[in-house]
Amino acid sequence: MTAATAPADPMENPLAVASGQQDQAIFRLIEDAIRRGDVLLAYQPVVSARAPDRTAFYEGLIRILDRDGTILPAGQFMPAAETREVGRIIDCLALEAGLAALARYPTLRLSINMSARSIGYPRWMETLNRGLAHTPTSAERLILEITESSAMIMPDLVTVFMADMHRRGISFALDDFGAGYTAFRYLKDFYFDILKIDGSFIRNINQDANNQVLAAALVSIGQHFDMLTVAEAVETPEEAAFLQSAEIDCLQGYLFGYPTTNPDWQNSDGALAAAS
């Protein structure tokens, strides 16, 4: 085979090189933020569909600050970090921040995202045990969110882990439901208490007949398994009105509040001014 016909070295592919360089830049950004302690939670309300002025719980979303103080959402760094140890460290820091908030605000109910990959990470479990030992009532107010795609990586391990956590009073939410590949033979064995319907099925649902049918099917699944159903990415009053008529339990999205690192209910005396 001549040099002219030899296949190109994939490492010399400009797109592959650019992607690798971008990932390395993201890892450096994350590691720098962790060293500086610039990792925090942004809180977004999840409201009752029947009474949207009432917050059922908050979702704590991990954020990092770059050197300029710019807040970066998880979508800008977690895809690159998910399969690396730095992703496990981020999960630990998110859990630590969430447990600290639960300890400070005794009426707060909070969900924290985690990857199934963190189940066997010793530091994550140590963080959980330490937080619950410090504030035992946190367990019944803590919700762990696991994405559908993450849960299916190791379904047998996830079911054992969830059963153990349930015995301790912790609840679970299946995040981004419908966007992954959940096998229903596993879904019935999981211990999820909350089913969060992916926003791709919610956008323009008041006008999109396909989304109406698909969302109705997902809600029916949640109801069959006695799960609280949450519609994600609700952005318009029309979407909210349709979802209320479709008997969704809770709503989450920009219509009801953007994620913020400084929620109104935080104050110096530790009281929770606005919660469930």
C-alpha atoms as a PDB file:
ATOM      1  CA  MET A   1       0.000   0.000   0.000  1.00  0.00           C
ATOM      2  CA  THR A   2       1.477   3.339  -1.020  1.00  0.00           C
ATOM      3  CA  ALA A   3       1.628   6.424   1.105  1.00  0.00           C
ATOM      4  CA  ALA A   4      -0.984   7.955  -1.148  1.00  0.00           C
ATOM      5  CA  THR A   5      -3.506   5.195  -0.377  1.00  0.00           C
ATOM      6  CA  ALA A   6      -2.618   4.494   3.252  1.00  0.00           C
ATOM      7  CA  PRO A   7      -5.422   5.292   5.694  1.00  0.00           C
ATOM      8  CA  ALA A   8      -4.939   8.423   7.732  1.00  0.00           C
ATOM      9  CA  ASP A   9      -3.820   8.065  11.309  1.00  0.00           C
ATOM     10  CA  PRO A  10      -7.000   8.816  13.346  1.00  0.00           C
ATOM     11  CA  MET A  11      -4.854  10.724  15.818  1.00  0.00           C
ATOM     12  CA  GLU A  12      -3.979  13.112  12.998  1.00  0.00           C
ATOM     13  CA  ASN A  13      -7.613  13.754  12.164  1.00  0.00           C
ATOM     14  CA  PRO A  14      -8.090  17.491  12.741  1.00  0.00           C
ATOM     15  CA  LEU A  15     -11.520  16.985  14.320  1.00  0.00           C
ATOM     16  CA  ALA A  16     -10.219  14.289  16.679  1.00  0.00           C
ATOM     17  CA  VAL A  17      -7.257  16.457  17.654  1.00  0.00           C
ATOM     18  CA  ALA A  18      -9.509  19.478  18.249  1.00  0.00           C
ATOM     19  CA  SER A  19     -11.923  17.391  20.335  1.00  0.00           C
ATOM     20  CA  GLY A  20      -9.082  16.007  22.427  1.00  0.00           C
ATOM     21  CA  GLN A  21      -7.657  19.458  23.010  1.00  0.00           C
ATOM     22  CA  GLN A  22     -11.073  20.755  24.015  1.00  0.00           C
ATOM     23  CA  ASP A  23     -11.511  17.929  26.532  1.00  0.00           C
ATOM     24  CA  GLN A  24      -8.086  18.636  28.018  1.00  0.00           C
ATOM     25  CA  ALA A  25      -9.002  22.306  28.380  1.00  0.00           C
ATOM     26  CA  ILE A  26     -12.224  21.326  30.163  1.00  0.00           C
ATOM     27  CA  PHE A  27     -10.365  19.002  32.537  1.00  0.00           C
ATOM     28  CA  ARG A  28      -7.914  21.777  33.414  1.00  0.00           C
ATOM     29  CA  LEU A  29     -10.788  24.185  34.009  1.00  0.00           C
ATOM     30  CA  ILE A  30     -12.557  21.692  36.308  1.00  0.00           C
ATOM     31  CA  GLU A  31      -9.407  20.816  38.231  1.00  0.00           C
ATOM     32  CA  ASP A  32      -8.552  24.494  38.721  1.00  0.00           C
ATOM     33  CA  ALA A  33     -12.080  25.222  39.997  1.00  0.00           C
ATOM     34  CA  ILE A  34     -11.914  22.290  42.426  1.00  0.00           C
ATOM     35  CA  ARG A  35      -8.541  23.452  43.768  1.00  0.00           C
ATOM     36  CA  ARG A  36      -9.923  26.948  44.307  1.00  0.00           C
ATOM     37  CA  GLY A  37     -13.128  25.642  45.888  1.00  0.00           C
ATOM     38  CA  ASP A  38     -15.183  27.288  43.149  1.00  0.00           C
ATOM     39  CA  VAL A  39     -17.808  24.557  42.955  1.00  0.00           C
ATOM     40  CA  LEU A  40     -21.365  25.294  44.082  1.00  0.00           C
ATOM     41  CA  LEU A  41     -25.017  24.452  43.586  1.00  0.00           C
ATOM     42  CA  ALA A  42     -27.683  26.366  41.713  1.00  0.00           C
ATOM     43  CA  TYR A  43     -31.216  25.691  42.937  1.00  0.00           C
ATOM     44  CA  GLN A  44     -34.272  25.336  40.709  1.00  0.00           C
ATOM     45  CA  PRO A  45     -37.802  24.842  42.081  1.00  0.00           C
ATOM     46  CA  VAL A  46     -39.996  21.887  41.185  1.00  0.00           C
ATOM     47  CA  VAL A  47     -43.575  23.007  41.775  1.00  0.00           C
ATOM     48  CA  SER A  48     -46.880  21.253  42.324  1.00  0.00           C
ATOM     49  CA  ALA A  49     -48.917  21.185  39.098  1.00  0.00           C
ATOM     50  CA  ARG A  50     -52.131  21.691  41.070  1.00  0.00           C
ATOM     51  CA  ALA A  51     -50.687  24.612  43.045  1.00  0.00           C
ATOM     52  CA  PRO A  52     -47.767  26.114  41.082  1.00  0.00           C
ATOM     53  CA  ASP A  53     -47.123  28.638  43.820  1.00  0.00           C
ATOM     54  CA  ARG A  54     -46.093  25.753  46.077  1.00  0.00           C
ATOM     55  CA  THR A  55     -42.619  24.239  45.733  1.00  0.00           C
ATOM     56  CA  ALA A  56     -42.522  20.467  46.114  1.00  0.00           C
ATOM     57  CA  PHE A  57     -38.717  20.354  46.229  1.00  0.00           C
ATOM     58  CA  TYR A  58     -35.644  21.988  44.742  1.00  0.00           C
ATOM     59  CA  GLU A  59     -33.107  20.478  42.398  1.00  0.00           C
ATOM     60  CA  GLY A  60     -29.502  21.290  43.242  1.00  0.00           C
ATOM     61  CA  LEU A  61     -27.554  21.640  39.981  1.00  0.00           C
ATOM     62  CA  ILE A  62     -23.767  21.598  40.068  1.00  0.00           C
ATOM     63  CA  ARG A  63     -21.935  24.687  38.823  1.00  0.00           C
ATOM     64  CA  ILE A  64     -18.288  25.711  38.631  1.00  0.00           C
ATOM     65  CA  LEU A  65     -16.714  29.150  38.395  1.00  0.00           C
ATOM     66  CA  ASP A  66     -13.964  29.922  35.935  1.00  0.00           C
ATOM     67  CA  ARG A  67     -11.100  32.263  36.852  1.00  0.00           C
ATOM     68  CA  ASP A  68     -13.177  35.259  35.748  1.00  0.00           C
ATOM     69  CA  GLY A  69     -16.004  34.299  38.105  1.00  0.00           C
ATOM     70  CA  THR A  70     -18.298  33.191  35.295  1.00  0.00           C
ATOM     71  CA  ILE A  71     -20.764  30.498  36.399  1.00  0.00           C
ATOM     72  CA  LEU A  72     -20.615  27.465  34.110  1.00  0.00           C
ATOM     73  CA  PRO A  73     -23.578  25.030  33.992  1.00  0.00           C
ATOM     74  CA  ALA A  74     -23.045  21.282  34.088  1.00  0.00           C
ATOM     75  CA  GLY A  75     -23.819  20.885  30.383  1.00  0.00           C
ATOM     76  CA  GLN A  76     -20.560  22.654  29.584  1.00  0.00           C
ATOM     77  CA  PHE A  77     -18.312  20.271  31.505  1.00  0.00           C
ATOM     78  CA  MET A  78     -20.074  17.111  32.709  1.00  0.00           C
ATOM     79  CA  PRO A  79     -20.243  15.328  29.311  1.00  0.00           C
ATOM     80  CA  ALA A  80     -16.438  15.360  29.191  1.00  0.00           C
ATOM     81  CA  ALA A  81     -16.070  14.521  32.890  1.00  0.00           C
ATOM     82  CA  GLU A  82     -18.763  11.841  33.206  1.00  0.00           C
ATOM     83  CA  THR A  83     -16.552   8.811  32.519  1.00  0.00           C
ATOM     84  CA  ARG A  84     -13.467  10.136  34.336  1.00  0.00           C
ATOM     85  CA  GLU A  85     -12.590  10.225  38.020  1.00  0.00           C
ATOM     86  CA  VAL A  86     -13.098  13.979  37.994  1.00  0.00           C
ATOM     87  CA  GLY A  87     -16.773  13.215  37.332  1.00  0.00           C
ATOM     88  CA  ARG A  88     -16.884  11.192  40.526  1.00  0.00           C
ATOM     89  CA  ILE A  89     -15.259  14.043  42.434  1.00  0.00           C
ATOM     90  CA  ILE A  90     -17.869  16.451  41.068  1.00  0.00           C
ATOM     91  CA  ASP A  91     -20.608  14.074  42.261  1.00  0.00           C
ATOM     92  CA  CYS A  92     -19.006  14.075  45.717  1.00  0.00           C
ATOM     93  CA  LEU A  93     -18.854  17.863  45.839  1.00  0.00           C
ATOM     94  CA  ALA A  94     -22.477  18.173  44.696  1.00  0.00           C
ATOM     95  CA  LEU A  95     -23.601  15.736  47.389  1.00  0.00           C
ATOM     96  CA  GLU A  96     -21.519  17.501  50.029  1.00  0.00           C
ATOM     97  CA  ALA A  97     -23.040  20.879  49.139  1.00  0.00           C
ATOM     98  CA  GLY A  98     -26.533  19.403  49.083  1.00  0.00           C
ATOM     99  CA  LEU A  99     -26.145  17.771  52.477  1.00  0.00           C
ATOM    100  CA  ALA A 100     -24.801  21.034  53.908  1.00  0.00           C
ATOM    101  CA  ALA A 101     -27.911  22.855  52.628  1.00  0.00           C
ATOM    102  CA  LEU A 102     -30.202  20.194  54.099  1.00  0.00           C
ATOM    103  CA  ALA A 103     -28.432  20.530  57.446  1.00  0.00           C
ATOM    104  CA  ARG A 104     -28.799  24.312  57.452  1.00  0.00           C
ATOM    105  CA  TYR A 105     -32.413  24.472  56.236  1.00  0.00           C
ATOM    106  CA  PRO A 106     -34.430  21.860  58.148  1.00  0.00           C
ATOM    107  CA  THR A 107     -37.572  22.167  55.989  1.00  0.00           C
ATOM    108  CA  LEU A 108     -35.729  22.016  52.663  1.00  0.00           C
ATOM    109  CA  ARG A 109     -36.299  19.050  50.366  1.00  0.00           C
ATOM    110  CA  LEU A 110     -33.579  18.741  47.745  1.00  0.00           C
ATOM    111  CA  SER A 111     -32.616  16.536  44.824  1.00  0.00           C
ATOM    112  CA  ILE A 112     -28.977  16.027  43.865  1.00  0.00           C
ATOM    113  CA  ASN A 113     -27.736  14.497  40.639  1.00  0.00           C
ATOM    114  CA  MET A 114     -25.373  11.551  40.649  1.00  0.00           C
ATOM    115  CA  SER A 115     -24.014   9.049  38.160  1.00  0.00           C
ATOM    116  CA  ALA A 116     -24.430   5.334  38.671  1.00  0.00           C
ATOM    117  CA  ARG A 117     -20.654   5.231  38.258  1.00  0.00           C
ATOM    118  CA  SER A 118     -20.332   6.927  41.662  1.00  0.00           C
ATOM    119  CA  ILE A 119     -22.072   4.094  43.524  1.00  0.00           C
ATOM    120  CA  GLY A 120     -18.806   2.222  43.999  1.00  0.00           C
ATOM    121  CA  TYR A 121     -16.673   5.327  44.573  1.00  0.00           C
ATOM    122  CA  PRO A 122     -15.599   5.232  48.243  1.00  0.00           C
ATOM    123  CA  ARG A 123     -15.403   9.005  48.702  1.00  0.00           C
ATOM    124  CA  TRP A 124     -19.013   9.430  47.557  1.00  0.00           C
ATOM    125  CA  MET A 125     -20.338   6.956  50.125  1.00  0.00           C
ATOM    126  CA  GLU A 126     -18.130   8.461  52.824  1.00  0.00           C
ATOM    127  CA  THR A 127     -19.587  11.878  52.018  1.00  0.00           C
ATOM    128  CA  LEU A 128     -23.127  10.525  52.299  1.00  0.00           C
ATOM    129  CA  ASN A 129     -22.507   8.683  55.560  1.00  0.00           C
ATOM    130  CA  ARG A 130     -20.811  11.677  57.136  1.00  0.00           C
ATOM    131  CA  GLY A 131     -23.634  14.033  56.131  1.00  0.00           C
ATOM    132  CA  LEU A 132     -26.384  11.748  57.376  1.00  0.00           C
ATOM    133  CA  ALA A 133     -24.553  11.139  60.662  1.00  0.00           C
ATOM    134  CA  HIS A 134     -24.328  14.894  61.177  1.00  0.00           C
ATOM    135  CA  THR A 135     -28.007  15.515  60.326  1.00  0.00           C
ATOM    136  CA  PRO A 136     -30.039  12.281  60.427  1.00  0.00           C
ATOM    137  CA  THR A 137     -33.233  14.033  59.237  1.00  0.00           C
ATOM    138  CA  SER A 138     -31.510  14.837  55.937  1.00  0.00           C
ATOM    139  CA  ALA A 139     -32.134  11.338  54.593  1.00  0.00           C
ATOM    140  CA  GLU A 140     -35.896  11.748  54.348  1.00  0.00           C
ATOM    141  CA  ARG A 141     -35.442  15.112  52.604  1.00  0.00           C
ATOM    142  CA  LEU A 142     -32.766  13.953  50.133  1.00  0.00           C
ATOM    143  CA  ILE A 143     -33.636  12.837  46.612  1.00  0.00           C
ATOM    144  CA  LEU A 144     -30.918  11.310  44.449  1.00  0.00           C
ATOM    145  CA  GLU A 145     -31.415  11.841  40.720  1.00  0.00           C
ATOM    146  CA  ILE A 146     -29.979   9.282  38.332  1.00  0.00           C
ATOM    147  CA  THR A 147     -30.324   9.717  34.579  1.00  0.00           C
ATOM    148  CA  GLU A 148     -31.982   6.974  32.598  1.00  0.00           C
ATOM    149  CA  SER A 149     -28.824   6.354  30.539  1.00  0.00           C
ATOM    150  CA  SER A 150     -26.664   6.165  33.681  1.00  0.00           C
ATOM    151  CA  ALA A 151     -29.000   3.742  35.450  1.00  0.00           C
ATOM    152  CA  MET A 152     -28.857   1.344  32.524  1.00  0.00           C
ATOM    153  CA  ILE A 153     -25.058   1.098  32.618  1.00  0.00           C
ATOM    154  CA  MET A 154     -25.265  -1.282  35.584  1.00  0.00           C
ATOM    155  CA  PRO A 155     -28.938  -1.931  36.410  1.00  0.00           C
ATOM    156  CA  ASP A 156     -28.346  -4.790  38.829  1.00  0.00           C
ATOM    157  CA  LEU A 157     -25.928  -2.730  40.938  1.00  0.00           C
ATOM    158  CA  VAL A 158     -28.302   0.253  40.856  1.00  0.00           C
ATOM    159  CA  THR A 159     -31.251  -1.778  42.156  1.00  0.00           C
ATOM    160  CA  VAL A 160     -29.217  -3.142  45.093  1.00  0.00           C
ATOM    161  CA  PHE A 161     -27.899   0.338  45.904  1.00  0.00           C
ATOM    162  CA  MET A 162     -31.362   1.897  45.746  1.00  0.00           C
ATOM    163  CA  ALA A 163     -32.873  -0.737  48.013  1.00  0.00           C
ATOM    164  CA  ASP A 164     -30.189  -0.035  50.615  1.00  0.00           C
ATOM    165  CA  MET A 165     -30.666   3.741  50.373  1.00  0.00           C
ATOM    166  CA  HIS A 166     -34.444   3.395  50.638  1.00  0.00           C
ATOM    167  CA  ARG A 167     -34.004   1.630  53.947  1.00  0.00           C
ATOM    168  CA  ARG A 168     -32.200   4.754  55.113  1.00  0.00           C
ATOM    169  CA  GLY A 169     -35.088   6.991  54.028  1.00  0.00           C
ATOM    170  CA  ILE A 170     -33.601   8.406  50.806  1.00  0.00           C
ATOM    171  CA  SER A 171     -35.803   8.824  47.713  1.00  0.00           C
ATOM    172  CA  PHE A 172     -34.820   8.470  44.056  1.00  0.00           C
ATOM    173  CA  ALA A 173     -35.748  10.257  40.839  1.00  0.00           C
ATOM    174  CA  LEU A 174     -35.281   8.847  37.349  1.00  0.00           C
ATOM    175  CA  ASP A 175     -34.022  11.836  35.382  1.00  0.00           C
ATOM    176  CA  ASP A 176     -34.522  12.534  31.651  1.00  0.00           C
ATOM    177  CA  PHE A 177     -36.985   9.653  31.296  1.00  0.00           C
ATOM    178  CA  GLY A 178     -37.717   8.841  27.664  1.00  0.00           C
ATOM    179  CA  ALA A 179     -34.390  10.123  26.366  1.00  0.00           C
ATOM    180  CA  GLY A 180     -32.487   6.874  27.006  1.00  0.00           C
ATOM    181  CA  TYR A 181     -33.003   3.168  26.622  1.00  0.00           C
ATOM    182  CA  THR A 182     -34.606   1.876  29.796  1.00  0.00           C
ATOM    183  CA  ALA A 183     -35.578  -1.776  29.540  1.00  0.00           C
ATOM    184  CA  PHE A 184     -38.974  -2.113  31.156  1.00  0.00           C
ATOM    185  CA  ARG A 185     -37.989  -5.409  32.716  1.00  0.00           C
ATOM    186  CA  TYR A 186     -35.527  -3.370  34.802  1.00  0.00           C
ATOM    187  CA  LEU A 187     -37.852  -0.424  35.364  1.00  0.00           C
ATOM    188  CA  LYS A 188     -40.235  -2.553  37.385  1.00  0.00           C
ATOM    189  CA  ASP A 189     -37.325  -3.674  39.585  1.00  0.00           C
ATOM    190  CA  PHE A 190     -35.918  -0.198  40.184  1.00  0.00           C
ATOM    191  CA  TYR A 191     -36.929   1.698  43.308  1.00  0.00           C
ATOM    192  CA  PHE A 192     -37.590   5.091  41.751  1.00  0.00           C
ATOM    193  CA  ASP A 193     -40.065   7.301  43.563  1.00  0.00           C
ATOM    194  CA  ILE A 194     -40.088  10.123  41.014  1.00  0.00           C
ATOM    195  CA  LEU A 195     -40.131  10.016  37.235  1.00  0.00           C
ATOM    196  CA  LYS A 196     -38.891  13.139  35.448  1.00  0.00           C
ATOM    197  CA  ILE A 197     -40.029  13.312  31.835  1.00  0.00           C
ATOM    198  CA  ASP A 198     -37.368  14.598  29.481  1.00  0.00           C
ATOM    199  CA  GLY A 199     -37.910  18.124  28.181  1.00  0.00           C
ATOM    200  CA  SER A 200     -37.820  16.958  24.568  1.00  0.00           C
ATOM    201  CA  PHE A 201     -41.325  15.537  25.139  1.00  0.00           C
ATOM    202  CA  ILE A 202     -42.557  18.695  26.870  1.00  0.00           C
ATOM    203  CA  ARG A 203     -41.586  21.508  24.498  1.00  0.00           C
ATOM    204  CA  ASN A 204     -44.629  22.859  22.633  1.00  0.00           C
ATOM    205  CA  ILE A 205     -46.713  20.020  24.041  1.00  0.00           C
ATOM    206  CA  ASN A 206     -49.831  22.167  23.845  1.00  0.00           C
ATOM    207  CA  GLN A 207     -49.443  22.177  20.041  1.00  0.00           C
ATOM    208  CA  ASP A 208     -47.395  19.064  19.250  1.00  0.00           C
ATOM    209  CA  ALA A 209     -49.684  16.038  18.895  1.00  0.00           C
ATOM    210  CA  ASN A 210     -46.742  13.619  18.899  1.00  0.00           C
ATOM    211  CA  ASN A 211     -45.425  14.968  22.177  1.00  0.00           C
ATOM    212  CA  GLN A 212     -48.911  14.808  23.641  1.00  0.00           C
ATOM    213  CA  VAL A 213     -49.179  11.089  22.885  1.00  0.00           C
ATOM    214  CA  LEU A 214     -45.633  10.295  24.021  1.00  0.00           C
ATOM    215  CA  ALA A 215     -45.875  12.304  27.243  1.00  0.00           C
ATOM    216  CA  ALA A 216     -49.223  10.695  28.054  1.00  0.00           C
ATOM    217  CA  ALA A 217     -47.616   7.270  27.668  1.00  0.00           C
ATOM    218  CA  LEU A 218     -44.736   8.233  29.972  1.00  0.00           C
ATOM    219  CA  VAL A 219     -47.135   9.641  32.571  1.00  0.00           C
ATOM    220  CA  SER A 220     -49.145   6.410  32.409  1.00  0.00           C
ATOM    221  CA  ILE A 221     -45.981   4.412  33.085  1.00  0.00           C
ATOM    222  CA  GLY A 222     -45.174   6.567  36.078  1.00  0.00           C
ATOM    223  CA  GLN A 223     -48.669   6.230  37.467  1.00  0.00           C
ATOM    224  CA  HIS A 224     -48.637   2.463  36.955  1.00  0.00           C
ATOM    225  CA  PHE A 225     -45.467   2.173  39.044  1.00  0.00           C
ATOM    226  CA  ASP A 226     -46.802   4.642  41.631  1.00  0.00           C
ATOM    227  CA  MET A 227     -44.175   7.280  40.855  1.00  0.00           C
ATOM    228  CA  LEU A 228     -44.556  11.023  41.220  1.00  0.00           C
ATOM    229  CA  THR A 229     -44.346  12.478  37.692  1.00  0.00           C
ATOM    230  CA  VAL A 230     -42.415  15.663  36.878  1.00  0.00           C
ATOM    231  CA  ALA A 231     -42.412  17.488  33.545  1.00  0.00           C
ATOM    232  CA  GLU A 232     -39.017  19.046  32.813  1.00  0.00           C
ATOM    233  CA  ALA A 233     -38.273  22.175  30.746  1.00  0.00           C
ATOM    234  CA  VAL A 234     -41.673  23.831  31.106  1.00  0.00           C
ATOM    235  CA  GLU A 235     -41.262  27.302  29.627  1.00  0.00           C
ATOM    236  CA  THR A 236     -44.680  28.679  28.674  1.00  0.00           C
ATOM    237  CA  PRO A 237     -48.066  29.079  30.397  1.00  0.00           C
ATOM    238  CA  GLU A 238     -49.656  27.117  27.548  1.00  0.00           C
ATOM    239  CA  GLU A 239     -47.381  24.138  28.141  1.00  0.00           C
ATOM    240  CA  ALA A 240     -48.080  24.295  31.872  1.00  0.00           C
ATOM    241  CA  ALA A 241     -51.861  24.453  31.339  1.00  0.00           C
ATOM    242  CA  PHE A 242     -51.799  21.416  29.063  1.00  0.00           C
ATOM    243  CA  LEU A 243     -49.648  19.440  31.506  1.00  0.00           C
ATOM    244  CA  GLN A 244     -51.974  20.289  34.372  1.00  0.00           C
ATOM    245  CA  SER A 245     -54.891  18.907  32.360  1.00  0.00           C
ATOM    246  CA  ALA A 246     -52.812  15.792  31.627  1.00  0.00           C
ATOM    247  CA  GLU A 247     -52.537  15.077  35.375  1.00  0.00           C
ATOM    248  CA  ILE A 248     -48.790  15.607  35.701  1.00  0.00           C
ATOM    249  CA  ASP A 249     -47.902  15.869  39.386  1.00  0.00           C
ATOM    250  CA  CYS A 250     -45.128  18.485  39.234  1.00  0.00           C
ATOM    251  CA  LEU A 251     -43.613  21.019  36.858  1.00  0.00           C
ATOM    252  CA  GLN A 252     -40.048  22.244  36.494  1.00  0.00           C
ATOM    253  CA  GLY A 253     -38.669  24.840  34.112  1.00  0.00           C
ATOM    254  CA  TYR A 254     -37.876  28.463  33.438  1.00  0.00           C
ATOM    255  CA  LEU A 255     -41.550  29.383  33.716  1.00  0.00           C
ATOM    256  CA  PHE A 256     -41.344  28.700  37.457  1.00  0.00           C
ATOM    257  CA  GLY A 257     -37.765  29.706  38.160  1.00  0.00           C
ATOM    258  CA  TYR A 258     -34.278  29.704  36.715  1.00  0.00           C
ATOM    259  CA  PRO A 259     -31.512  27.853  38.546  1.00  0.00           C
ATOM    260  CA  THR A 260     -29.877  30.327  40.930  1.00  0.00           C
ATOM    261  CA  THR A 261     -26.932  30.133  43.271  1.00  0.00           C
ATOM    262  CA  ASN A 262     -28.652  32.671  45.555  1.00  0.00           C
ATOM    263  CA  PRO A 263     -32.226  31.516  46.126  1.00  0.00           C
ATOM    264  CA  ASP A 264     -34.550  33.829  48.045  1.00  0.00           C
ATOM    265  CA  TRP A 265     -34.966  31.350  50.876  1.00  0.00           C
ATOM    266  CA  GLN A 266     -31.338  31.528  51.957  1.00  0.00           C
ATOM    267  CA  ASN A 267     -30.864  33.859  54.897  1.00  0.00           C
ATOM    268  CA  SER A 268     -28.583  34.245  57.856  1.00  0.00           C
ATOM    269  CA  ASP A 269     -30.735  32.514  60.477  1.00  0.00           C
ATOM    270  CA  GLY A 270     -31.094  29.269  58.529  1.00  0.00           C
ATOM    271  CA  ALA A 271     -34.848  29.553  58.028  1.00  0.00           C
ATOM    272  CA  LEU A 272     -36.434  28.497  54.765  1.00  0.00           C
ATOM    273  CA  ALA A 273     -38.637  31.253  53.529  1.00  0.00           C
ATOM    274  CA  ALA A 274     -40.131  29.434  50.566  1.00  0.00           C
ATOM    275  CA  ALA A 275     -40.337  25.668  50.348  1.00  0.00           C
ATOM    276  CA  SER A 276     -42.794  22.834  50.406  1.00  0.00           C
END
